[in-house]
Amino acid sequence: MDIFSTAQEATLRKYFWIEERRFYDRARADRSVGAVVAHCLGLGATETDVFADRVVEAGIRSTDGRGGFDFLATQIGPCGYGIADLRACYAALSENFVQQSQAA
């Protein structure tokens, strides 16, 4: 019985590690894309940090993890970007994070 509980514990630890990694990767992507959009909006360094924090917070508060994207989708109009551009930016960042995690 001890073997089963050890295996189950290892499986749960792996699952939690994967979910934690996804959370940090998504938060990093939200922060990075938020900084790009803030720069496009002409915000200064301090305002860019605050804006990026708001994007990350929106991602954390959403139940599906897309809150940062949804928040930015409402802000990109003045930049001349569209939803497709926003998706491309997230995809590029996500691909970069996957390559980094596979190398580790």
N, C-alpha and C. Protein backbone atom coordinates (compact mmCIF):
# COMPACT_ATOMS: atom_id res chain seq x y z
N MET A 1 0.81 -1.19 0.00
CA MET A 1 0.00 0.00 0.00
C MET A 1 0.86 1.26 0.00
N ASP A 2 2.00 1.17 0.65
CA ASP A 2 2.90 2.31 0.73
C ASP A 2 3.41 2.72 -0.66
N ILE A 3 3.60 1.73 -1.53
CA ILE A 3 4.08 2.01 -2.89
C ILE A 3 3.04 2.84 -3.64
N PHE A 4 1.75 2.51 -3.46
CA PHE A 4 0.70 3.25 -4.14
C PHE A 4 0.62 4.69 -3.64
N SER A 5 0.73 4.89 -2.35
CA SER A 5 0.65 6.26 -1.82
C SER A 5 1.87 7.08 -2.26
N THR A 6 3.04 6.45 -2.35
CA THR A 6 4.23 7.15 -2.82
C THR A 6 4.08 7.53 -4.29
N ALA A 7 3.55 6.62 -5.09
CA ALA A 7 3.34 6.90 -6.51
C ALA A 7 2.29 8.00 -6.69
N GLN A 8 1.23 7.94 -5.90
CA GLN A 8 0.19 8.96 -5.99
C GLN A 8 0.74 10.32 -5.56
N GLU A 9 1.53 10.35 -4.53
CA GLU A 9 2.13 11.60 -4.07
C GLU A 9 3.06 12.18 -5.14
N ALA A 10 3.83 11.34 -5.79
CA ALA A 10 4.73 11.80 -6.86
C ALA A 10 3.94 12.35 -8.03
N THR A 11 2.84 11.69 -8.36
CA THR A 11 1.99 12.16 -9.45
C THR A 11 1.39 13.52 -9.11
N LEU A 12 0.92 13.67 -7.89
CA LEU A 12 0.34 14.96 -7.46
C LEU A 12 1.39 16.06 -7.46
N ARG A 13 2.58 15.75 -6.98
CA ARG A 13 3.66 16.75 -6.98
C ARG A 13 3.98 17.20 -8.39
N LYS A 14 4.03 16.25 -9.33
CA LYS A 14 4.31 16.59 -10.73
C LYS A 14 3.20 17.46 -11.29
N TYR A 15 1.95 17.11 -11.01
CA TYR A 15 0.82 17.89 -11.49
C TYR A 15 0.88 19.32 -10.94
N PHE A 16 1.14 19.47 -9.64
CA PHE A 16 1.22 20.79 -9.04
C PHE A 16 2.38 21.59 -9.61
N TRP A 17 3.50 20.94 -9.86
CA TRP A 17 4.65 21.62 -10.45
C TRP A 17 4.32 22.13 -11.85
N ILE A 18 3.65 21.29 -12.65
CA ILE A 18 3.27 21.69 -14.01
C ILE A 18 2.31 22.87 -13.95
N GLU A 19 1.31 22.81 -13.08
CA GLU A 19 0.35 23.90 -12.97
C GLU A 19 1.01 25.19 -12.48
N GLU A 20 1.92 25.07 -11.54
CA GLU A 20 2.64 26.25 -11.05
C GLU A 20 3.48 26.86 -12.17
N ARG A 21 4.13 26.04 -12.96
CA ARG A 21 4.93 26.51 -14.08
C ARG A 21 4.04 27.24 -15.10
N ARG A 22 2.88 26.67 -15.38
CA ARG A 22 1.94 27.32 -16.32
C ARG A 22 1.50 28.68 -15.79
N PHE A 23 1.23 28.74 -14.50
CA PHE A 23 0.82 30.01 -13.88
C PHE A 23 1.91 31.06 -14.05
N TYR A 24 3.15 30.71 -13.71
CA TYR A 24 4.23 31.68 -13.82
C TYR A 24 4.51 32.07 -15.27
N ASP A 25 4.41 31.11 -16.18
CA ASP A 25 4.61 31.43 -17.59
C ASP A 25 3.54 32.38 -18.10
N ARG A 26 2.31 32.14 -17.71
CA ARG A 26 1.21 33.00 -18.15
C ARG A 26 1.35 34.39 -17.52
N ALA A 27 1.71 34.46 -16.26
CA ALA A 27 1.91 35.76 -15.60
C ALA A 27 3.06 36.52 -16.28
N ARG A 28 4.12 35.82 -16.62
CA ARG A 28 5.25 36.46 -17.30
C ARG A 28 4.82 36.98 -18.67
N ALA A 29 4.03 36.19 -19.40
CA ALA A 29 3.53 36.63 -20.71
C ALA A 29 2.62 37.84 -20.55
N ASP A 30 1.72 37.80 -19.56
CA ASP A 30 0.82 38.95 -19.31
C ASP A 30 1.64 40.20 -19.01
N ARG A 31 2.65 40.07 -18.18
CA ARG A 31 3.49 41.22 -17.82
C ARG A 31 4.24 41.76 -19.04
N SER A 32 4.81 40.87 -19.84
CA SER A 32 5.58 41.30 -21.01
C SER A 32 4.71 41.98 -22.04
N VAL A 33 3.58 41.37 -22.37
CA VAL A 33 2.69 41.97 -23.36
C VAL A 33 2.09 43.26 -22.80
N GLY A 34 1.80 43.27 -21.51
CA GLY A 34 1.30 44.50 -20.88
C GLY A 34 2.29 45.64 -20.99
N ALA A 35 3.57 45.33 -20.83
CA ALA A 35 4.60 46.36 -20.96
C ALA A 35 4.69 46.89 -22.38
N VAL A 36 4.54 46.00 -23.36
CA VAL A 36 4.55 46.43 -24.77
C VAL A 36 3.39 47.36 -25.05
N VAL A 37 2.21 46.97 -24.61
CA VAL A 37 1.02 47.80 -24.85
C VAL A 37 1.15 49.13 -24.10
N ALA A 38 1.65 49.10 -22.87
CA ALA A 38 1.84 50.34 -22.10
C ALA A 38 2.80 51.28 -22.82
N HIS A 39 3.87 50.73 -23.36
CA HIS A 39 4.83 51.56 -24.11
C HIS A 39 4.15 52.17 -25.33
N CYS A 40 3.35 51.36 -26.01
CA CYS A 40 2.62 51.85 -27.18
C CYS A 40 1.65 52.97 -26.80
N LEU A 41 1.07 52.86 -25.62
CA LEU A 41 0.14 53.90 -25.14
C LEU A 41 0.87 55.15 -24.67
N GLY A 42 2.20 55.10 -24.64
CA GLY A 42 2.99 56.26 -24.26
C GLY A 42 3.14 56.45 -22.76
N LEU A 43 2.98 55.39 -22.01
CA LEU A 43 3.12 55.49 -20.56
C LEU A 43 4.60 55.52 -20.18
N GLY A 44 4.91 56.22 -19.10
CA GLY A 44 6.27 56.27 -18.59
C GLY A 44 6.63 54.98 -17.87
N ALA A 45 7.84 54.93 -17.34
CA ALA A 45 8.34 53.70 -16.71
C ALA A 45 7.49 53.28 -15.51
N THR A 46 7.17 54.21 -14.65
CA THR A 46 6.37 53.88 -13.46
C THR A 46 4.97 53.46 -13.86
N GLU A 47 4.37 54.20 -14.78
CA GLU A 47 3.01 53.87 -15.24
C GLU A 47 3.00 52.52 -15.96
N THR A 48 4.09 52.20 -16.68
CA THR A 48 4.18 50.92 -17.37
C THR A 48 4.17 49.78 -16.37
N ASP A 49 4.92 49.93 -15.28
CA ASP A 49 4.93 48.90 -14.23
C ASP A 49 3.55 48.71 -13.61
N VAL A 50 2.88 49.81 -13.34
CA VAL A 50 1.54 49.74 -12.76
C VAL A 50 0.57 49.08 -13.74
N PHE A 51 0.67 49.47 -15.01
CA PHE A 51 -0.20 48.89 -16.04
C PHE A 51 0.05 47.39 -16.16
N ALA A 52 1.33 46.98 -16.20
CA ALA A 52 1.67 45.56 -16.30
C ALA A 52 1.16 44.79 -15.08
N ASP A 53 1.24 45.40 -13.91
CA ASP A 53 0.70 44.77 -12.70
C ASP A 53 -0.81 44.56 -12.82
N ARG A 54 -1.50 45.54 -13.40
CA ARG A 54 -2.95 45.41 -13.59
C ARG A 54 -3.28 44.26 -14.54
N VAL A 55 -2.45 44.09 -15.57
CA VAL A 55 -2.67 42.99 -16.52
C VAL A 55 -2.48 41.65 -15.81
N VAL A 56 -1.40 41.52 -15.04
CA VAL A 56 -1.15 40.27 -14.31
C VAL A 56 -2.28 40.01 -13.31
N GLU A 57 -2.71 41.04 -12.61
CA GLU A 57 -3.80 40.88 -11.65
C GLU A 57 -5.08 40.42 -12.33
N ALA A 58 -5.36 40.97 -13.51
CA ALA A 58 -6.55 40.54 -14.25
C ALA A 58 -6.44 39.06 -14.62
N GLY A 59 -5.24 38.62 -14.98
CA GLY A 59 -5.04 37.20 -15.29
C GLY A 59 -5.21 36.30 -14.09
N ILE A 60 -4.76 36.77 -12.94
CA ILE A 60 -4.89 35.98 -11.71
C ILE A 60 -6.34 35.88 -11.28
N ARG A 61 -7.07 36.96 -11.42
CA ARG A 61 -8.46 36.99 -10.95
C ARG A 61 -9.41 36.20 -11.84
N SER A 62 -9.05 36.01 -13.10
CA SER A 62 -9.97 35.29 -13.99
C SER A 62 -9.94 33.80 -13.70
N THR A 63 -11.05 33.15 -13.91
CA THR A 63 -11.14 31.73 -13.63
C THR A 63 -10.48 30.89 -14.72
N ASP A 64 -10.39 31.42 -15.92
CA ASP A 64 -9.81 30.64 -17.02
C ASP A 64 -8.38 31.04 -17.36
N GLY A 65 -7.81 32.02 -16.64
CA GLY A 65 -6.44 32.43 -16.87
C GLY A 65 -6.25 33.38 -18.04
N ARG A 66 -7.34 33.78 -18.69
CA ARG A 66 -7.25 34.66 -19.85
C ARG A 66 -7.58 36.11 -19.51
N GLY A 67 -7.65 36.43 -18.25
CA GLY A 67 -8.03 37.78 -17.85
C GLY A 67 -7.07 38.84 -18.33
N GLY A 68 -5.76 38.53 -18.34
CA GLY A 68 -4.78 39.49 -18.83
C GLY A 68 -4.99 39.79 -20.30
N PHE A 69 -5.20 38.74 -21.09
CA PHE A 69 -5.48 38.91 -22.52
C PHE A 69 -6.75 39.72 -22.72
N ASP A 70 -7.80 39.36 -21.99
CA ASP A 70 -9.08 40.06 -22.14
C ASP A 70 -8.95 41.53 -21.76
N PHE A 71 -8.21 41.82 -20.70
CA PHE A 71 -7.98 43.20 -20.29
C PHE A 71 -7.24 43.97 -21.39
N LEU A 72 -6.18 43.37 -21.91
CA LEU A 72 -5.40 44.04 -22.95
C LEU A 72 -6.21 44.23 -24.23
N ALA A 73 -7.11 43.31 -24.51
CA ALA A 73 -7.95 43.43 -25.70
C ALA A 73 -8.81 44.69 -25.65
N THR A 74 -9.13 45.14 -24.44
CA THR A 74 -9.92 46.37 -24.31
C THR A 74 -9.05 47.62 -24.37
N GLN A 75 -7.73 47.46 -24.30
CA GLN A 75 -6.82 48.60 -24.22
C GLN A 75 -6.04 48.87 -25.51
N ILE A 76 -6.01 47.93 -26.45
CA ILE A 76 -5.10 48.05 -27.59
C ILE A 76 -5.62 48.91 -28.73
N GLY A 77 -6.86 49.33 -28.65
CA GLY A 77 -7.43 50.15 -29.72
C GLY A 77 -6.59 51.35 -30.11
N PRO A 78 -6.18 52.19 -29.15
CA PRO A 78 -5.38 53.37 -29.50
C PRO A 78 -4.00 53.04 -30.09
N CYS A 79 -3.53 51.83 -29.89
CA CYS A 79 -2.22 51.43 -30.41
C CYS A 79 -2.28 51.07 -31.89
N GLY A 80 -3.47 50.80 -32.38
CA GLY A 80 -3.60 50.36 -33.77
C GLY A 80 -3.41 48.86 -33.93
N TYR A 81 -3.31 48.15 -32.81
CA TYR A 81 -3.19 46.70 -32.85
C TYR A 81 -4.58 46.09 -32.82
N GLY A 82 -4.67 44.88 -33.33
CA GLY A 82 -5.91 44.13 -33.27
C GLY A 82 -5.75 42.89 -32.40
N ILE A 83 -6.82 42.16 -32.27
CA ILE A 83 -6.80 40.93 -31.48
C ILE A 83 -5.80 39.94 -32.06
N ALA A 84 -5.71 39.87 -33.38
CA ALA A 84 -4.77 38.94 -34.01
C ALA A 84 -3.33 39.28 -33.64
N ASP A 85 -3.02 40.57 -33.57
CA ASP A 85 -1.67 40.99 -33.17
C ASP A 85 -1.38 40.61 -31.72
N LEU A 86 -2.39 40.78 -30.88
CA LEU A 86 -2.24 40.43 -29.47
C LEU A 86 -2.02 38.93 -29.31
N ARG A 87 -2.79 38.14 -30.06
CA ARG A 87 -2.62 36.68 -30.01
C ARG A 87 -1.23 36.28 -30.49
N ALA A 88 -0.76 36.93 -31.55
CA ALA A 88 0.57 36.61 -32.09
C ALA A 88 1.66 36.91 -31.06
N CYS A 89 1.50 38.01 -30.35
CA CYS A 89 2.47 38.38 -29.31
C CYS A 89 2.48 37.34 -28.19
N TYR A 90 1.30 36.94 -27.74
CA TYR A 90 1.22 35.90 -26.70
C TYR A 90 1.78 34.58 -27.21
N ALA A 91 1.49 34.23 -28.45
CA ALA A 91 1.99 32.97 -29.00
C ALA A 91 3.51 32.97 -29.07
N ALA A 92 4.09 34.08 -29.49
CA ALA A 92 5.54 34.16 -29.57
C ALA A 92 6.17 34.02 -28.19
N LEU A 93 5.59 34.67 -27.21
CA LEU A 93 6.10 34.56 -25.85
C LEU A 93 5.91 33.15 -25.29
N SER A 94 4.77 32.56 -25.54
CA SER A 94 4.49 31.22 -25.03
C SER A 94 5.45 30.21 -25.65
N GLU A 95 5.74 30.35 -26.92
CA GLU A 95 6.68 29.44 -27.58
C GLU A 95 8.06 29.57 -26.97
N ASN A 96 8.46 30.80 -26.66
CA ASN A 96 9.75 31.04 -26.04
C ASN A 96 9.82 30.39 -24.66
N PHE A 97 8.74 30.48 -23.88
CA PHE A 97 8.72 29.89 -22.54
C PHE A 97 8.79 28.37 -22.62
N VAL A 98 8.11 27.76 -23.59
CA VAL A 98 8.12 26.31 -23.74
C VAL A 98 9.54 25.85 -24.07
N GLN A 99 10.22 26.56 -24.98
CA GLN A 99 11.58 26.17 -25.34
C GLN A 99 12.50 26.27 -24.13
N GLN A 100 12.34 27.30 -23.33
CA GLN A 100 13.19 27.47 -22.14
C GLN A 100 12.94 26.35 -21.13
N SER A 101 11.68 25.99 -20.92
CA SER A 101 11.37 24.96 -19.92
C SER A 101 11.82 23.58 -20.40
N GLN A 102 11.82 23.33 -21.71
CA GLN A 102 12.29 22.04 -22.22
C GLN A 102 13.80 21.93 -22.10
N ALA A 103 14.49 23.07 -22.16
CA ALA A 103 15.94 23.05 -22.07
C ALA A 103 16.40 22.78 -20.64
N ALA A 104 15.57 23.09 -19.66
CA ALA A 104 15.95 22.93 -18.26
C ALA A 104 15.90 21.51 -17.79
